[in-house]
């Protein structure tokens, strides 16, 4: 199991309805994208961090490990805005408004990523997928997603065991041995993926699979108090941004 999935299953909000957490997480994401970067994205990022580290109880170290990957993509996307190609100042030159645009993009994308991580750190995928059928998503699409979600972890576990076996047999001592081990890892994982899929299909057929995976979904009521508090938070962020935008440069 991935660290973010383990954190979601052990989250304080594990028993809350996914709709509540989706409203909060994706609402903050929409605010980060729709509000002005300054001060809107900064306020959204601060509020999201406060919720993650406070009521949601996400450890700071785990949050940073998960956030640094999308943050790298955010930085990579912002760097090209610093330059302009062609023009009177040369083939490649610094753009006049490049730093401002780069910072705005970085603030928007970073704060939006925190909103998505809020949902991911508090809601296991196994709680979301079965409820998508009630939301109108076709059942076969949800079934395929559930099966793929299961196979991904099986393959990751198989890859970890193969790498451990290769390391025990000195398969990573030299560069040539490392490349041979990687090739063997890829080939073995490819074969095992088809074997796992065939065994899964046989197991489903033996249990009377008729085209629909019936999963027991724990009963969970939607909290109106939580939804109200979330609406107040989002409205407060919007109002505070519009007020501060008049006074801040």
Protein backbone atom coordinates (compact mmCIF):
# COMPACT_ATOMS: atom_id res chain seq x y z
CA UNK A 1 0.00 0.00 0.00
CA UNK A 2 1.25 3.46 -0.87
CA UNK A 3 1.95 5.85 2.02
CA UNK A 4 -0.84 8.21 0.97
CA UNK A 5 -3.33 5.32 0.88
CA UNK A 6 -2.20 4.15 4.31
CA UNK A 7 -2.62 7.69 5.62
CA UNK A 8 -6.12 7.89 4.12
CA UNK A 9 -7.19 4.64 5.77
CA UNK A 10 -5.89 5.82 9.17
CA UNK A 11 -7.15 9.40 8.85
CA UNK A 12 -9.28 11.03 11.53
CA UNK A 13 -11.86 11.73 8.83
CA UNK A 14 -11.89 8.13 7.59
CA UNK A 15 -15.53 7.66 8.67
CA UNK A 16 -16.79 10.88 7.17
CA UNK A 17 -18.81 10.73 3.97
CA UNK A 18 -16.64 11.26 0.85
CA UNK A 19 -19.06 13.96 -0.33
CA UNK A 20 -18.11 16.14 2.64
CA UNK A 21 -14.40 15.82 1.98
CA UNK A 22 -14.86 16.29 -1.76
CA UNK A 23 -16.79 19.50 -1.16
CA UNK A 24 -14.00 20.79 1.08
CA UNK A 25 -10.99 19.64 -0.92
CA UNK A 26 -12.23 20.45 -4.41
CA UNK A 27 -13.89 23.63 -3.18
CA UNK A 28 -10.51 24.85 -1.97
CA UNK A 29 -9.00 23.76 -5.28
CA UNK A 30 -11.56 25.79 -7.25
CA UNK A 31 -10.90 28.80 -5.02
CA UNK A 32 -7.17 28.47 -5.66
CA UNK A 33 -7.75 28.43 -9.41
CA UNK A 34 -10.51 31.04 -9.61
CA UNK A 35 -9.35 33.66 -7.10
CA UNK A 36 -6.51 36.10 -7.81
CA UNK A 37 -3.09 34.57 -7.02
CA UNK A 38 -2.36 37.38 -4.60
CA UNK A 39 -3.73 37.22 -2.02
CA UNK A 40 -6.29 34.53 -2.92
CA UNK A 41 -4.00 31.58 -3.59
CA UNK A 42 -1.92 32.39 -0.51
CA UNK A 43 -5.00 32.46 1.71
CA UNK A 44 -6.30 29.21 0.23
CA UNK A 45 -2.93 27.51 0.74
CA UNK A 46 -2.77 28.70 4.35
CA UNK A 47 -6.32 27.52 5.05
CA UNK A 48 -5.68 24.14 3.41
CA UNK A 49 -2.49 23.61 5.40
CA UNK A 50 -4.32 24.54 8.59
CA UNK A 51 -7.02 21.96 7.88
CA UNK A 52 -4.53 19.26 6.85
CA UNK A 53 -2.26 19.66 9.86
CA UNK A 54 -5.09 20.46 12.27
CA UNK A 55 -8.50 18.77 12.10
CA UNK A 56 -7.48 16.22 9.44
CA UNK A 57 -4.42 15.20 11.49
CA UNK A 58 -2.07 14.61 8.55
CA UNK A 59 1.58 14.36 9.73
CA UNK A 60 3.73 17.14 8.34
CA UNK A 61 6.44 14.80 7.10
CA UNK A 62 3.99 12.66 5.13
CA UNK A 63 2.39 15.77 3.68
CA UNK A 64 5.73 17.12 2.49
CA UNK A 65 6.71 13.80 0.92
CA UNK A 66 3.48 13.73 -1.05
CA UNK A 67 3.47 17.45 -1.88
CA UNK A 68 7.03 17.74 -3.18
CA UNK A 69 6.21 15.70 -6.30
CA UNK A 70 3.38 17.95 -7.58
CA UNK A 71 5.39 20.95 -6.38
CA UNK A 72 8.17 19.89 -8.73
CA UNK A 73 5.72 19.87 -11.64
CA UNK A 74 4.47 23.30 -10.55
CA UNK A 75 8.00 24.71 -10.58
CA UNK A 76 8.74 23.05 -13.92
CA UNK A 77 5.65 24.65 -15.44
CA UNK A 78 6.47 28.09 -14.03
CA UNK A 79 10.12 28.28 -15.15
CA UNK A 80 9.36 28.64 -18.91
CA UNK A 81 7.33 31.77 -18.17
CA UNK A 82 10.55 33.52 -17.16
CA UNK A 83 11.79 33.54 -20.76
CA UNK A 84 10.62 34.69 -24.16
CA UNK A 85 11.69 33.14 -27.44
CA UNK A 86 12.35 35.42 -30.39
CA UNK A 87 11.85 39.15 -30.51
CA UNK A 88 14.07 42.21 -30.61
CA UNK A 89 16.11 41.21 -27.55
CA UNK A 90 17.44 37.99 -29.00
CA UNK A 91 16.55 34.39 -29.59
CA UNK A 92 16.06 33.66 -25.87
CA UNK A 93 15.73 36.44 -23.30
CA UNK A 94 14.13 37.12 -19.97
CA UNK A 95 10.48 38.10 -20.31
CA UNK A 96 9.61 41.55 -18.88
CA UNK A 97 6.66 40.22 -16.87
CA UNK A 98 8.02 36.69 -16.63
CA UNK A 99 8.78 36.58 -12.89
CA UNK A 100 5.34 37.95 -11.99
CA UNK A 101 3.52 35.44 -14.22
CA UNK A 102 5.73 32.59 -12.96
CA UNK A 103 5.00 33.41 -9.33
CA UNK A 104 1.26 33.69 -10.03
CA UNK A 105 1.20 30.32 -11.75
CA UNK A 106 3.25 28.73 -8.98
CA UNK A 107 0.91 30.08 -6.30
CA UNK A 108 -2.20 28.87 -8.13
CA UNK A 109 -0.93 25.38 -8.91
CA UNK A 110 0.69 24.80 -5.52
CA UNK A 111 -2.39 25.82 -3.56
CA UNK A 112 -4.65 23.81 -5.88
CA UNK A 113 -2.43 20.76 -5.36
CA UNK A 114 -2.84 21.11 -1.60
CA UNK A 115 -6.62 21.03 -2.04
CA UNK A 116 -6.42 17.79 -4.00
CA UNK A 117 -4.05 16.30 -1.41
CA UNK A 118 -6.56 17.18 1.30
CA UNK A 119 -9.08 14.89 -0.37
CA UNK A 120 -6.50 12.19 -1.09
CA UNK A 121 -5.13 12.11 2.47
CA UNK A 122 -8.56 11.74 4.04
CA UNK A 123 -10.50 9.57 1.57
CA UNK A 124 -9.45 6.06 0.51
CA UNK A 125 -10.13 5.16 -3.10
CA UNK A 126 -12.09 2.12 -1.93
CA UNK A 127 -14.61 4.47 -0.30
CA UNK A 128 -15.08 6.60 -3.41
CA UNK A 129 -15.35 4.11 -6.27
CA UNK A 130 -18.39 2.09 -5.06
CA UNK A 131 -20.34 5.32 -4.49
CA UNK A 132 -19.73 6.51 -8.06
CA UNK A 133 -22.43 4.14 -9.30
CA UNK A 134 -25.03 6.06 -7.31
CA UNK A 135 -23.67 9.26 -8.83
CA UNK A 136 -24.47 8.02 -12.33
CA UNK A 137 -21.14 6.51 -13.41
CA UNK A 138 -21.71 3.27 -15.39
CA UNK A 139 -21.15 0.18 -13.26
CA UNK A 140 -18.69 -1.48 -15.73
CA UNK A 141 -16.44 1.60 -15.57
CA UNK A 142 -16.40 1.44 -11.76
CA UNK A 143 -15.73 -2.31 -11.85
CA UNK A 144 -12.72 -1.84 -14.12
CA UNK A 145 -11.39 0.90 -11.84
CA UNK A 146 -11.77 -1.34 -8.77
CA UNK A 147 -9.99 -4.24 -10.47
CA UNK A 148 -7.16 -2.01 -11.72
CA UNK A 149 -6.80 -0.48 -8.27
CA UNK A 150 -6.39 -3.97 -6.82
CA UNK A 151 -3.95 -5.13 -9.50
CA UNK A 152 -1.73 -2.05 -9.08
CA UNK A 153 -0.96 -2.92 -5.47
CA UNK A 154 -0.41 -6.58 -6.32
CA UNK A 155 2.09 -5.64 -9.01
CA UNK A 156 3.86 -3.15 -6.73
CA UNK A 157 4.19 -5.86 -4.10
CA UNK A 158 5.56 -8.29 -6.70
CA UNK A 159 8.07 -5.73 -7.95
CA UNK A 160 9.29 -5.08 -4.41
CA UNK A 161 9.82 -8.80 -3.82
CA UNK A 162 11.64 -9.21 -7.14
CA UNK A 163 13.95 -6.27 -6.43
CA UNK A 164 14.66 -7.66 -2.96
CA UNK A 165 15.55 -11.04 -4.46
CA UNK A 166 17.78 -9.40 -7.08
CA UNK A 167 19.58 -7.36 -4.42
CA UNK A 168 20.14 -10.51 -2.33
CA UNK A 169 21.78 -12.12 -5.36
CA UNK A 170 24.08 -9.09 -5.93
CA UNK A 171 22.06 -7.94 -8.90
CA UNK A 172 22.88 -4.26 -8.35
CA UNK A 173 26.62 -4.37 -7.70
CA UNK A 174 27.68 -2.98 -11.09
CA UNK A 175 26.06 -0.84 -13.75
CA UNK A 176 25.77 -3.76 -16.16
CA UNK A 177 24.23 -5.95 -13.47
CA UNK A 178 21.78 -3.18 -12.62
CA UNK A 179 20.64 -2.90 -16.23
CA UNK A 180 20.23 -6.69 -16.45
CA UNK A 181 18.23 -6.66 -13.24
CA UNK A 182 15.99 -3.87 -14.52
CA UNK A 183 15.36 -5.78 -17.74
CA UNK A 184 14.53 -8.90 -15.78
CA UNK A 185 12.29 -6.90 -13.46
CA UNK A 186 10.34 -5.46 -16.38
CA UNK A 187 9.96 -8.82 -18.13
CA UNK A 188 8.88 -10.64 -14.97
CA UNK A 189 6.41 -7.92 -14.01
CA UNK A 190 4.91 -7.98 -17.51
CA UNK A 191 4.35 -11.75 -17.34
CA UNK A 192 2.99 -11.60 -13.79
CA UNK A 193 0.55 -8.85 -14.74
CA UNK A 194 -1.16 -11.15 -17.25
CA UNK A 195 -1.01 -14.06 -14.83
CA UNK A 196 -2.61 -11.99 -12.06
CA UNK A 197 -5.31 -10.75 -14.41
CA UNK A 198 -6.12 -14.29 -15.57
CA UNK A 199 -6.27 -15.60 -12.00
CA UNK A 200 -8.47 -12.69 -11.00
CA UNK A 201 -10.83 -13.39 -13.88
CA UNK A 202 -10.99 -17.07 -12.94
CA UNK A 203 -11.70 -16.18 -9.33
CA UNK A 204 -14.50 -13.82 -10.30
CA UNK A 205 -16.02 -16.40 -12.65
CA UNK A 206 -15.92 -19.01 -9.89
CA UNK A 207 -17.85 -16.67 -7.61
CA UNK A 208 -20.66 -16.09 -10.07
CA UNK A 209 -19.51 -12.81 -11.59
CA UNK A 210 -22.32 -11.48 -13.76
CA UNK A 211 -20.81 -8.17 -14.84
CA UNK A 212 -21.19 -6.24 -11.59
CA UNK A 213 -18.92 -6.24 -8.57
CA UNK A 214 -21.06 -5.96 -5.45
CA UNK A 215 -19.09 -4.22 -2.72
CA UNK A 216 -20.32 -3.60 0.79
CA UNK A 217 -20.23 0.16 1.38
CA UNK A 218 -20.19 1.24 5.04
CA UNK A 219 -23.20 3.33 6.00
CA UNK A 220 -22.20 6.95 6.45
CA UNK A 221 -24.51 9.93 6.76
CA UNK A 222 -23.67 13.33 5.33
CA UNK A 223 -23.09 15.89 8.08
CA UNK A 224 -24.94 19.13 7.41
CA UNK A 225 -22.84 20.84 10.06
CA UNK A 226 -19.65 19.90 8.20
CA UNK A 227 -21.05 21.09 4.87
CA UNK A 228 -22.18 24.35 6.45
CA UNK A 229 -18.77 24.94 8.03
CA UNK A 230 -17.12 24.20 4.68
CA UNK A 231 -19.41 26.67 2.89
CA UNK A 232 -18.63 29.33 5.49
CA UNK A 233 -14.90 28.72 5.07
CA UNK A 234 -15.03 28.97 1.27
CA UNK A 235 -17.22 32.06 1.35
CA UNK A 236 -14.92 33.63 3.93
CA UNK A 237 -11.88 33.01 1.75
CA UNK A 238 -13.60 34.60 -1.24
CA UNK A 239 -14.77 37.61 0.75
CA UNK A 240 -11.39 38.12 2.45
CA UNK A 241 -9.60 37.91 -0.88
CA UNK A 242 -11.86 40.52 -2.48
CA UNK A 243 -11.40 42.84 0.52
CA UNK A 244 -7.63 42.49 0.73
CA UNK A 245 -7.27 42.86 -3.03
CA UNK A 246 -8.42 46.48 -2.70
CA UNK A 247 -5.82 47.39 -0.11
CA UNK A 248 -2.82 45.26 -1.02
CA UNK A 249 -0.64 46.23 -4.00
